[in-house]
Amino acid sequence: MKGKIQYDFSAEIWQHNSTGSWFFVSLPEHLSDEIRENLKWQEEGWGRMKASAGIGNLIWETAIWFDRKRNTYLLPLKAEIREKQSLKTGDLIHLKLWI
């Protein structure tokens, strides 16, 4: 994506244990540290930062949120994305993230 910083990483899909069945991947801490150090000024309310994400050939507009408890950014994976890529909790996936 032109004009954006690209991050490549692998992460395991996990499900939040509350109602609503939210699924996430946690960004590696070293990437979160780098993003926070250089791009924190782009954060909106609650540590939200607009981003684009990609798995394989699938790219979508999304956002990441900084989670103080985990000390890292979280990337939500909507049902539509999980279904298109046949993803489930515990899968280790390779992602691209553009901010």
PDB file of N, CA and C in Angstrom:
ATOM      1  N   MET A   1       0.847  -1.162   0.000  1.00  0.00           N
ATOM      2  CA  MET A   1       0.000   0.000   0.000  1.00  0.00           C
ATOM      3  C   MET A   1       0.900   1.235   0.000  1.00  0.00           C
ATOM      4  N   LYS A   2       0.705   2.027  -0.977  1.00  0.00           N
ATOM      5  CA  LYS A   2       1.560   3.188  -1.175  1.00  0.00           C
ATOM      6  C   LYS A   2       1.417   4.199  -0.031  1.00  0.00           C
ATOM      7  N   GLY A   3       2.558   4.662   0.469  1.00  0.00           N
ATOM      8  CA  GLY A   3       2.566   5.691   1.490  1.00  0.00           C
ATOM      9  C   GLY A   3       2.307   5.208   2.906  1.00  0.00           C
ATOM     10  N   LYS A   4       2.203   3.913   3.097  1.00  0.00           N
ATOM     11  CA  LYS A   4       1.965   3.367   4.432  1.00  0.00           C
ATOM     12  C   LYS A   4       3.132   2.469   4.830  1.00  0.00           C
ATOM     13  N   ILE A   5       3.344   2.352   6.127  1.00  0.00           N
ATOM     14  CA  ILE A   5       4.382   1.465   6.658  1.00  0.00           C
ATOM     15  C   ILE A   5       3.804   0.058   6.731  1.00  0.00           C
ATOM     16  N   GLN A   6       4.555  -0.916   6.211  1.00  0.00           N
ATOM     17  CA  GLN A   6       4.093  -2.312   6.218  1.00  0.00           C
ATOM     18  C   GLN A   6       4.799  -3.093   7.319  1.00  0.00           C
ATOM     19  N   TYR A   7       4.024  -3.874   8.037  1.00  0.00           N
ATOM     20  CA  TYR A   7       4.537  -4.782   9.059  1.00  0.00           C
ATOM     21  C   TYR A   7       4.108  -6.191   8.676  1.00  0.00           C
ATOM     22  N   ASP A   8       5.016  -7.150   8.766  1.00  0.00           N
ATOM     23  CA  ASP A   8       4.725  -8.555   8.501  1.00  0.00           C
ATOM     24  C   ASP A   8       4.949  -9.329   9.794  1.00  0.00           C
ATOM     25  N   PHE A   9       4.009 -10.196  10.128  1.00  0.00           N
ATOM     26  CA  PHE A   9       4.164 -10.985  11.355  1.00  0.00           C
ATOM     27  C   PHE A   9       3.258 -12.212  11.305  1.00  0.00           C
ATOM     28  N   SER A  10       3.527 -13.137  12.204  1.00  0.00           N
ATOM     29  CA  SER A  10       2.675 -14.312  12.388  1.00  0.00           C
ATOM     30  C   SER A  10       2.122 -14.260  13.797  1.00  0.00           C
ATOM     31  N   ALA A  11       0.888 -14.695  13.947  1.00  0.00           N
ATOM     32  CA  ALA A  11       0.238 -14.672  15.255  1.00  0.00           C
ATOM     33  C   ALA A  11      -0.850 -15.734  15.305  1.00  0.00           C
ATOM     34  N   GLU A  12      -1.192 -16.127  16.525  1.00  0.00           N
ATOM     35  CA  GLU A  12      -2.230 -17.129  16.740  1.00  0.00           C
ATOM     36  C   GLU A  12      -3.565 -16.436  16.983  1.00  0.00           C
ATOM     37  N   ILE A  13      -4.609 -16.977  16.394  1.00  0.00           N
ATOM     38  CA  ILE A  13      -5.959 -16.435  16.589  1.00  0.00           C
ATOM     39  C   ILE A  13      -6.469 -16.864  17.962  1.00  0.00           C
ATOM     40  N   TRP A  14      -7.024 -15.902  18.694  1.00  0.00           N
ATOM     41  CA  TRP A  14      -7.622 -16.222  19.985  1.00  0.00           C
ATOM     42  C   TRP A  14      -8.989 -15.557  20.091  1.00  0.00           C
ATOM     43  N   GLN A  15      -9.817 -16.112  20.961  1.00  0.00           N
ATOM     44  CA  GLN A  15     -11.177 -15.623  21.131  1.00  0.00           C
ATOM     45  C   GLN A  15     -11.316 -14.998  22.508  1.00  0.00           C
ATOM     46  N   HIS A  16     -11.903 -13.794  22.546  1.00  0.00           N
ATOM     47  CA  HIS A  16     -12.151 -13.121  23.821  1.00  0.00           C
ATOM     48  C   HIS A  16     -13.213 -13.904  24.569  1.00  0.00           C
ATOM     49  N   ASN A  17     -13.059 -14.012  25.885  1.00  0.00           N
ATOM     50  CA  ASN A  17     -13.959 -14.866  26.662  1.00  0.00           C
ATOM     51  C   ASN A  17     -15.214 -14.146  27.156  1.00  0.00           C
ATOM     52  N   SER A  18     -15.679 -13.160  26.411  1.00  0.00           N
ATOM     53  CA  SER A  18     -16.934 -12.506  26.791  1.00  0.00           C
ATOM     54  C   SER A  18     -17.996 -12.824  25.741  1.00  0.00           C
ATOM     55  N   THR A  19     -19.195 -12.356  25.983  1.00  0.00           N
ATOM     56  CA  THR A  19     -20.250 -12.564  24.991  1.00  0.00           C
ATOM     57  C   THR A  19     -19.926 -11.747  23.743  1.00  0.00           C
ATOM     58  N   GLY A  20     -20.369 -12.202  22.617  1.00  0.00           N
ATOM     59  CA  GLY A  20     -20.119 -11.506  21.368  1.00  0.00           C
ATOM     60  C   GLY A  20     -19.096 -12.209  20.501  1.00  0.00           C
ATOM     61  N   SER A  21     -18.343 -13.129  21.083  1.00  0.00           N
ATOM     62  CA  SER A  21     -17.398 -13.956  20.327  1.00  0.00           C
ATOM     63  C   SER A  21     -16.439 -13.162  19.442  1.00  0.00           C
ATOM     64  N   TRP A  22     -15.744 -12.207  20.019  1.00  0.00           N
ATOM     65  CA  TRP A  22     -14.731 -11.462  19.273  1.00  0.00           C
ATOM     66  C   TRP A  22     -13.482 -12.313  19.115  1.00  0.00           C
ATOM     67  N   PHE A  23     -12.903 -12.289  17.919  1.00  0.00           N
ATOM     68  CA  PHE A  23     -11.677 -13.019  17.626  1.00  0.00           C
ATOM     69  C   PHE A  23     -10.586 -12.002  17.295  1.00  0.00           C
ATOM     70  N   PHE A  24      -9.374 -12.273  17.777  1.00  0.00           N
ATOM     71  CA  PHE A  24      -8.269 -11.342  17.608  1.00  0.00           C
ATOM     72  C   PHE A  24      -6.971 -12.072  17.308  1.00  0.00           C
ATOM     73  N   VAL A  25      -5.993 -11.304  16.849  1.00  0.00           N
ATOM     74  CA  VAL A  25      -4.591 -11.685  16.938  1.00  0.00           C
ATOM     75  C   VAL A  25      -3.908 -10.548  17.681  1.00  0.00           C
ATOM     76  N   SER A  26      -2.928 -10.899  18.488  1.00  0.00           N
ATOM     77  CA  SER A  26      -2.120  -9.908  19.201  1.00  0.00           C
ATOM     78  C   SER A  26      -0.862  -9.659  18.394  1.00  0.00           C
ATOM     79  N   LEU A  27      -0.562  -8.389  18.159  1.00  0.00           N
ATOM     80  CA  LEU A  27       0.683  -8.069  17.463  1.00  0.00           C
ATOM     81  C   LEU A  27       1.851  -8.410  18.374  1.00  0.00           C
ATOM     82  N   PRO A  28       2.965  -8.867  17.798  1.00  0.00           N
ATOM     83  CA  PRO A  28       4.149  -9.115  18.626  1.00  0.00           C
ATOM     84  C   PRO A  28       4.531  -7.825  19.370  1.00  0.00           C
ATOM     85  N   GLU A  29       4.983  -7.972  20.610  1.00  0.00           N
ATOM     86  CA  GLU A  29       5.279  -6.793  21.429  1.00  0.00           C
ATOM     87  C   GLU A  29       6.295  -5.868  20.786  1.00  0.00           C
ATOM     88  N   HIS A  30       7.313  -6.419  20.112  1.00  0.00           N
ATOM     89  CA  HIS A  30       8.321  -5.537  19.511  1.00  0.00           C
ATOM     90  C   HIS A  30       7.717  -4.674  18.410  1.00  0.00           C
ATOM     91  N   LEU A  31       6.726  -5.210  17.658  1.00  0.00           N
ATOM     92  CA  LEU A  31       6.048  -4.404  16.637  1.00  0.00           C
ATOM     93  C   LEU A  31       5.152  -3.353  17.295  1.00  0.00           C
ATOM     94  N   SER A  32       4.449  -3.755  18.339  1.00  0.00           N
ATOM     95  CA  SER A  32       3.604  -2.798  19.050  1.00  0.00           C
ATOM     96  C   SER A  32       4.436  -1.664  19.625  1.00  0.00           C
ATOM     97  N   ASP A  33       5.591  -2.005  20.190  1.00  0.00           N
ATOM     98  CA  ASP A  33       6.478  -0.977  20.734  1.00  0.00           C
ATOM     99  C   ASP A  33       6.905   0.001  19.642  1.00  0.00           C
ATOM    100  N   GLU A  34       7.274  -0.537  18.480  1.00  0.00           N
ATOM    101  CA  GLU A  34       7.711   0.305  17.359  1.00  0.00           C
ATOM    102  C   GLU A  34       6.568   1.195  16.864  1.00  0.00           C
ATOM    103  N   ILE A  35       5.375   0.612  16.724  1.00  0.00           N
ATOM    104  CA  ILE A  35       4.222   1.376  16.263  1.00  0.00           C
ATOM    105  C   ILE A  35       3.879   2.481  17.262  1.00  0.00           C
ATOM    106  N   ARG A  36       3.862   2.148  18.537  1.00  0.00           N
ATOM    107  CA  ARG A  36       3.529   3.142  19.563  1.00  0.00           C
ATOM    108  C   ARG A  36       4.560   4.256  19.602  1.00  0.00           C
ATOM    109  N   GLU A  37       5.819   3.893  19.466  1.00  0.00           N
ATOM    110  CA  GLU A  37       6.888   4.884  19.528  1.00  0.00           C
ATOM    111  C   GLU A  37       6.816   5.861  18.358  1.00  0.00           C
ATOM    112  N   ASN A  38       6.508   5.353  17.170  1.00  0.00           N
ATOM    113  CA  ASN A  38       6.557   6.180  15.963  1.00  0.00           C
ATOM    114  C   ASN A  38       5.206   6.703  15.476  1.00  0.00           C
ATOM    115  N   LEU A  39       4.123   6.020  15.804  1.00  0.00           N
ATOM    116  CA  LEU A  39       2.830   6.376  15.212  1.00  0.00           C
ATOM    117  C   LEU A  39       1.714   6.636  16.228  1.00  0.00           C
ATOM    118  N   LYS A  40       2.045   6.683  17.507  1.00  0.00           N
ATOM    119  CA  LYS A  40       1.022   6.884  18.545  1.00  0.00           C
ATOM    120  C   LYS A  40       0.176   8.119  18.268  1.00  0.00           C
ATOM    121  N   TRP A  41       0.747   9.112  17.633  1.00  0.00           N
ATOM    122  CA  TRP A  41       0.016  10.352  17.320  1.00  0.00           C
ATOM    123  C   TRP A  41      -1.198  10.096  16.429  1.00  0.00           C
ATOM    124  N   GLN A  42      -1.240   8.929  15.759  1.00  0.00           N
ATOM    125  CA  GLN A  42      -2.379   8.592  14.899  1.00  0.00           C
ATOM    126  C   GLN A  42      -3.523   7.930  15.670  1.00  0.00           C
ATOM    127  N   GLU A  43      -3.281   7.606  16.935  1.00  0.00           N
ATOM    128  CA  GLU A  43      -4.325   6.939  17.717  1.00  0.00           C
ATOM    129  C   GLU A  43      -5.518   7.854  17.923  1.00  0.00           C
ATOM    130  N   GLU A  44      -6.684   7.246  17.869  1.00  0.00           N
ATOM    131  CA  GLU A  44      -7.927   7.933  18.177  1.00  0.00           C
ATOM    132  C   GLU A  44      -8.334   7.498  19.580  1.00  0.00           C
ATOM    133  N   GLY A  45      -9.580   7.637  19.947  1.00  0.00           N
ATOM    134  CA  GLY A  45     -10.035   7.235  21.272  1.00  0.00           C
ATOM    135  C   GLY A  45      -9.770   5.774  21.581  1.00  0.00           C
ATOM    136  N   TRP A  46      -9.500   5.486  22.836  1.00  0.00           N
ATOM    137  CA  TRP A  46      -9.251   4.133  23.341  1.00  0.00           C
ATOM    138  C   TRP A  46      -8.081   3.428  22.654  1.00  0.00           C
ATOM    139  N   GLY A  47      -7.110   4.164  22.160  1.00  0.00           N
ATOM    140  CA  GLY A  47      -5.932   3.559  21.541  1.00  0.00           C
ATOM    141  C   GLY A  47      -6.190   2.972  20.165  1.00  0.00           C
ATOM    142  N   ARG A  48      -7.261   3.409  19.509  1.00  0.00           N
ATOM    143  CA  ARG A  48      -7.626   2.891  18.183  1.00  0.00           C
ATOM    144  C   ARG A  48      -6.778   3.566  17.117  1.00  0.00           C
ATOM    145  N   MET A  49      -6.290   2.760  16.179  1.00  0.00           N
ATOM    146  CA  MET A  49      -5.507   3.282  15.064  1.00  0.00           C
ATOM    147  C   MET A  49      -5.981   2.629  13.771  1.00  0.00           C
ATOM    148  N   LYS A  50      -6.329   3.444  12.788  1.00  0.00           N
ATOM    149  CA  LYS A  50      -6.768   2.919  11.493  1.00  0.00           C
ATOM    150  C   LYS A  50      -5.620   2.160  10.836  1.00  0.00           C
ATOM    151  N   ALA A  51      -5.978   1.084  10.138  1.00  0.00           N
ATOM    152  CA  ALA A  51      -4.983   0.241   9.479  1.00  0.00           C
ATOM    153  C   ALA A  51      -5.644  -0.534   8.347  1.00  0.00           C
ATOM    154  N   SER A  52      -4.816  -1.131   7.524  1.00  0.00           N
ATOM    155  CA  SER A  52      -5.257  -2.112   6.540  1.00  0.00           C
ATOM    156  C   SER A  52      -4.540  -3.404   6.895  1.00  0.00           C
ATOM    157  N   ALA A  53      -5.201  -4.524   6.678  1.00  0.00           N
ATOM    158  CA  ALA A  53      -4.602  -5.814   7.009  1.00  0.00           C
ATOM    159  C   ALA A  53      -4.750  -6.754   5.824  1.00  0.00           C
ATOM    160  N   GLY A  54      -3.873  -7.738   5.767  1.00  0.00           N
ATOM    161  CA  GLY A  54      -3.933  -8.718   4.702  1.00  0.00           C
ATOM    162  C   GLY A  54      -3.532 -10.097   5.159  1.00  0.00           C
ATOM    163  N   ILE A  55      -4.270 -11.077   4.664  1.00  0.00           N
ATOM    164  CA  ILE A  55      -3.938 -12.495   4.846  1.00  0.00           C
ATOM    165  C   ILE A  55      -3.997 -13.088   3.448  1.00  0.00           C
ATOM    166  N   GLY A  56      -2.875 -13.583   2.960  1.00  0.00           N
ATOM    167  CA  GLY A  56      -2.836 -14.093   1.589  1.00  0.00           C
ATOM    168  C   GLY A  56      -3.159 -12.968   0.628  1.00  0.00           C
ATOM    169  N   ASN A  57      -4.111 -13.211  -0.278  1.00  0.00           N
ATOM    170  CA  ASN A  57      -4.520 -12.190  -1.249  1.00  0.00           C
ATOM    171  C   ASN A  57      -5.681 -11.323  -0.756  1.00  0.00           C
ATOM    172  N   LEU A  58      -6.168 -11.582   0.448  1.00  0.00           N
ATOM    173  CA  LEU A  58      -7.301 -10.845   1.001  1.00  0.00           C
ATOM    174  C   LEU A  58      -6.795  -9.642   1.797  1.00  0.00           C
ATOM    175  N   ILE A  59      -7.220  -8.440   1.412  1.00  0.00           N
ATOM    176  CA  ILE A  59      -6.833  -7.210   2.104  1.00  0.00           C
ATOM    177  C   ILE A  59      -8.114  -6.479   2.494  1.00  0.00           C
ATOM    178  N   TRP A  60      -8.154  -5.935   3.714  1.00  0.00           N
ATOM    179  CA  TRP A  60      -9.331  -5.219   4.178  1.00  0.00           C
ATOM    180  C   TRP A  60      -8.938  -4.034   5.053  1.00  0.00           C
ATOM    181  N   GLU A  61      -9.861  -3.066   5.141  1.00  0.00           N
ATOM    182  CA  GLU A  61      -9.682  -1.901   6.001  1.00  0.00           C
ATOM    183  C   GLU A  61     -10.159  -2.274   7.402  1.00  0.00           C
ATOM    184  N   THR A  62      -9.397  -1.864   8.407  1.00  0.00           N
ATOM    185  CA  THR A  62      -9.703  -2.242   9.776  1.00  0.00           C
ATOM    186  C   THR A  62      -9.082  -1.226  10.727  1.00  0.00           C
ATOM    187  N   ALA A  63      -8.891  -1.622  11.947  1.00  0.00           N
ATOM    188  CA  ALA A  63      -8.203  -0.811  12.943  1.00  0.00           C
ATOM    189  C   ALA A  63      -7.561  -1.755  13.948  1.00  0.00           C
ATOM    190  N   ILE A  64      -6.549  -1.261  14.630  1.00  0.00           N
ATOM    191  CA  ILE A  64      -5.952  -1.993  15.737  1.00  0.00           C
ATOM    192  C   ILE A  64      -6.207  -1.187  17.002  1.00  0.00           C
ATOM    193  N   TRP A  65      -6.258  -1.861  18.133  1.00  0.00           N
ATOM    194  CA  TRP A  65      -6.486  -1.214  19.422  1.00  0.00           C
ATOM    195  C   TRP A  65      -5.361  -1.586  20.361  1.00  0.00           C
ATOM    196  N   PHE A  66      -4.883  -0.612  21.141  1.00  0.00           N
ATOM    197  CA  PHE A  66      -3.855  -0.918  22.122  1.00  0.00           C
ATOM    198  C   PHE A  66      -4.525  -1.444  23.385  1.00  0.00           C
ATOM    199  N   ASP A  67      -4.078  -2.620  23.818  1.00  0.00           N
ATOM    200  CA  ASP A  67      -4.605  -3.267  25.015  1.00  0.00           C
ATOM    201  C   ASP A  67      -3.567  -3.134  26.127  1.00  0.00           C
ATOM    202  N   ARG A  68      -3.875  -2.329  27.121  1.00  0.00           N
ATOM    203  CA  ARG A  68      -2.920  -2.093  28.219  1.00  0.00           C
ATOM    204  C   ARG A  68      -2.649  -3.365  29.037  1.00  0.00           C
ATOM    205  N   LYS A  69      -3.637  -4.237  29.159  1.00  0.00           N
ATOM    206  CA  LYS A  69      -3.445  -5.476  29.926  1.00  0.00           C
ATOM    207  C   LYS A  69      -2.428  -6.392  29.247  1.00  0.00           C
ATOM    208  N   ARG A  70      -2.477  -6.473  27.929  1.00  0.00           N
ATOM    209  CA  ARG A  70      -1.554  -7.331  27.172  1.00  0.00           C
ATOM    210  C   ARG A  70      -0.315  -6.572  26.713  1.00  0.00           C
ATOM    211  N   ASN A  71      -0.351  -5.241  26.840  1.00  0.00           N
ATOM    212  CA  ASN A  71       0.743  -4.366  26.423  1.00  0.00           C
ATOM    213  C   ASN A  71       1.081  -4.542  24.944  1.00  0.00           C
ATOM    214  N   THR A  72       0.040  -4.658  24.134  1.00  0.00           N
ATOM    215  CA  THR A  72       0.230  -4.823  22.699  1.00  0.00           C
ATOM    216  C   THR A  72      -1.037  -4.374  21.974  1.00  0.00           C
ATOM    217  N   TYR A  73      -0.914  -4.183  20.673  1.00  0.00           N
ATOM    218  CA  TYR A  73      -2.086  -3.885  19.846  1.00  0.00           C
ATOM    219  C   TYR A  73      -2.804  -5.183  19.501  1.00  0.00           C
ATOM    220  N   LEU A  74      -4.119  -5.080  19.374  1.00  0.00           N
ATOM    221  CA  LEU A  74      -4.953  -6.211  18.978  1.00  0.00           C
ATOM    222  C   LEU A  74      -5.583  -5.908  17.629  1.00  0.00           C
ATOM    223  N   LEU A  75      -5.592  -6.909  16.771  1.00  0.00           N
ATOM    224  CA  LEU A  75      -6.237  -6.813  15.465  1.00  0.00           C
ATOM    225  C   LEU A  75      -7.451  -7.733  15.477  1.00  0.00           C
ATOM    226  N   PRO A  76      -8.674  -7.171  15.380  1.00  0.00           N
ATOM    227  CA  PRO A  76      -9.865  -8.021  15.353  1.00  0.00           C
ATOM    228  C   PRO A  76     -10.000  -8.711  13.997  1.00  0.00           C
ATOM    229  N   LEU A  77     -10.508  -9.935  14.031  1.00  0.00           N
ATOM    230  CA  LEU A  77     -10.770 -10.701  12.803  1.00  0.00           C
ATOM    231  C   LEU A  77     -12.260 -10.962  12.715  1.00  0.00           C
ATOM    232  N   LYS A  78     -12.935 -10.226  11.852  1.00  0.00           N
ATOM    233  CA  LYS A  78     -14.379 -10.363  11.688  1.00  0.00           C
ATOM    234  C   LYS A  78     -14.713 -11.739  11.111  1.00  0.00           C
ATOM    235  N   ALA A  79     -15.948 -12.161  11.342  1.00  0.00           N
ATOM    236  CA  ALA A  79     -16.427 -13.460  10.846  1.00  0.00           C
ATOM    237  C   ALA A  79     -16.225 -13.581   9.343  1.00  0.00           C
ATOM    238  N   GLU A  80     -16.511 -12.517   8.616  1.00  0.00           N
ATOM    239  CA  GLU A  80     -16.368 -12.539   7.155  1.00  0.00           C
ATOM    240  C   GLU A  80     -14.937 -12.900   6.736  1.00  0.00           C
ATOM    241  N   ILE A  81     -13.967 -12.339   7.404  1.00  0.00           N
ATOM    242  CA  ILE A  81     -12.550 -12.608   7.105  1.00  0.00           C
ATOM    243  C   ILE A  81     -12.210 -14.051   7.471  1.00  0.00           C
ATOM    244  N   ARG A  82     -12.642 -14.476   8.665  1.00  0.00           N
ATOM    245  CA  ARG A  82     -12.350 -15.853   9.105  1.00  0.00           C
ATOM    246  C   ARG A  82     -12.975 -16.871   8.168  1.00  0.00           C
ATOM    247  N   GLU A  83     -14.205 -16.614   7.727  1.00  0.00           N
ATOM    248  CA  GLU A  83     -14.893 -17.547   6.830  1.00  0.00           C
ATOM    249  C   GLU A  83     -14.213 -17.619   5.462  1.00  0.00           C
ATOM    250  N   LYS A  84     -13.840 -16.478   4.907  1.00  0.00           N
ATOM    251  CA  LYS A  84     -13.196 -16.463   3.585  1.00  0.00           C
ATOM    252  C   LYS A  84     -11.860 -17.206   3.592  1.00  0.00           C
ATOM    253  N   GLN A  85     -11.169 -17.198   4.737  1.00  0.00           N
ATOM    254  CA  GLN A  85      -9.858 -17.841   4.827  1.00  0.00           C
ATOM    255  C   GLN A  85      -9.899 -19.162   5.606  1.00  0.00           C
ATOM    256  N   SER A  86     -11.100 -19.609   6.006  1.00  0.00           N
ATOM    257  CA  SER A  86     -11.285 -20.848   6.790  1.00  0.00           C
ATOM    258  C   SER A  86     -10.399 -20.846   8.032  1.00  0.00           C
ATOM    259  N   LEU A  87     -10.490 -19.777   8.817  1.00  0.00           N
ATOM    260  CA  LEU A  87      -9.661 -19.614  10.015  1.00  0.00           C
ATOM    261  C   LEU A  87     -10.458 -19.934  11.268  1.00  0.00           C
ATOM    262  N   LYS A  88      -9.747 -20.472  12.269  1.00  0.00           N
ATOM    263  CA  LYS A  88     -10.395 -20.772  13.540  1.00  0.00           C
ATOM    264  C   LYS A  88      -9.439 -20.477  14.694  1.00  0.00           C
ATOM    265  N   THR A  89      -9.982 -20.450  15.888  1.00  0.00           N
ATOM    266  CA  THR A  89      -9.195 -20.197  17.084  1.00  0.00           C
ATOM    267  C   THR A  89      -8.011 -21.163  17.138  1.00  0.00           C
ATOM    268  N   GLY A  90      -6.847 -20.625  17.477  1.00  0.00           N
ATOM    269  CA  GLY A  90      -5.644 -21.445  17.599  1.00  0.00           C
ATOM    270  C   GLY A  90      -4.815 -21.519  16.335  1.00  0.00           C
ATOM    271  N   ASP A  91      -5.365 -21.119  15.191  1.00  0.00           N
ATOM    272  CA  ASP A  91      -4.593 -21.131  13.941  1.00  0.00           C
ATOM    273  C   ASP A  91      -3.474 -20.095  14.009  1.00  0.00           C
ATOM    274  N   LEU A  92      -2.299 -20.476  13.558  1.00  0.00           N
ATOM    275  CA  LEU A  92      -1.181 -19.548  13.433  1.00  0.00           C
ATOM    276  C   LEU A  92      -1.227 -19.022  12.009  1.00  0.00           C
ATOM    277  N   ILE A  93      -1.371 -17.706  11.866  1.00  0.00           N
ATOM    278  CA  ILE A  93      -1.517 -17.108  10.535  1.00  0.00           C
ATOM    279  C   ILE A  93      -0.437 -16.055  10.291  1.00  0.00           C
ATOM    280  N   HIS A  94      -0.108 -15.866   9.017  1.00  0.00           N
ATOM    281  CA  HIS A  94       0.836 -14.816   8.625  1.00  0.00           C
ATOM    282  C   HIS A  94       0.020 -13.629   8.111  1.00  0.00           C
ATOM    283  N   LEU A  95       0.320 -12.452   8.628  1.00  0.00           N
ATOM    284  CA  LEU A  95      -0.420 -11.254   8.268  1.00  0.00           C
ATOM    285  C   LEU A  95       0.489 -10.146   7.803  1.00  0.00           C
ATOM    286  N   LYS A  96      -0.100  -9.245   7.028  1.00  0.00           N
ATOM    287  CA  LYS A  96       0.529  -7.983   6.687  1.00  0.00           C
ATOM    288  C   LYS A  96      -0.366  -6.903   7.260  1.00  0.00           C
ATOM    289  N   LEU A  97       0.262  -5.870   7.793  1.00  0.00           N
ATOM    290  CA  LEU A  97      -0.476  -4.756   8.382  1.00  0.00           C
ATOM    291  C   LEU A  97       0.126  -3.470   7.835  1.00  0.00           C
ATOM    292  N   TRP A  98      -0.735  -2.572   7.352  1.00  0.00           N
ATOM    293  CA  TRP A  98      -0.270  -1.279   6.831  1.00  0.00           C
ATOM    294  C   TRP A  98      -0.873  -0.174   7.680  1.00  0.00           C
ATOM    295  N   ILE A  99      -0.004   0.727   8.129  1.00  0.00           N
ATOM    296  CA  ILE A  99      -0.446   1.876   8.922  1.00  0.00           C
ATOM    297  C   ILE A  99       0.121   3.119   8.280  1.00  0.00           C
TER     298      ILE A  99
END
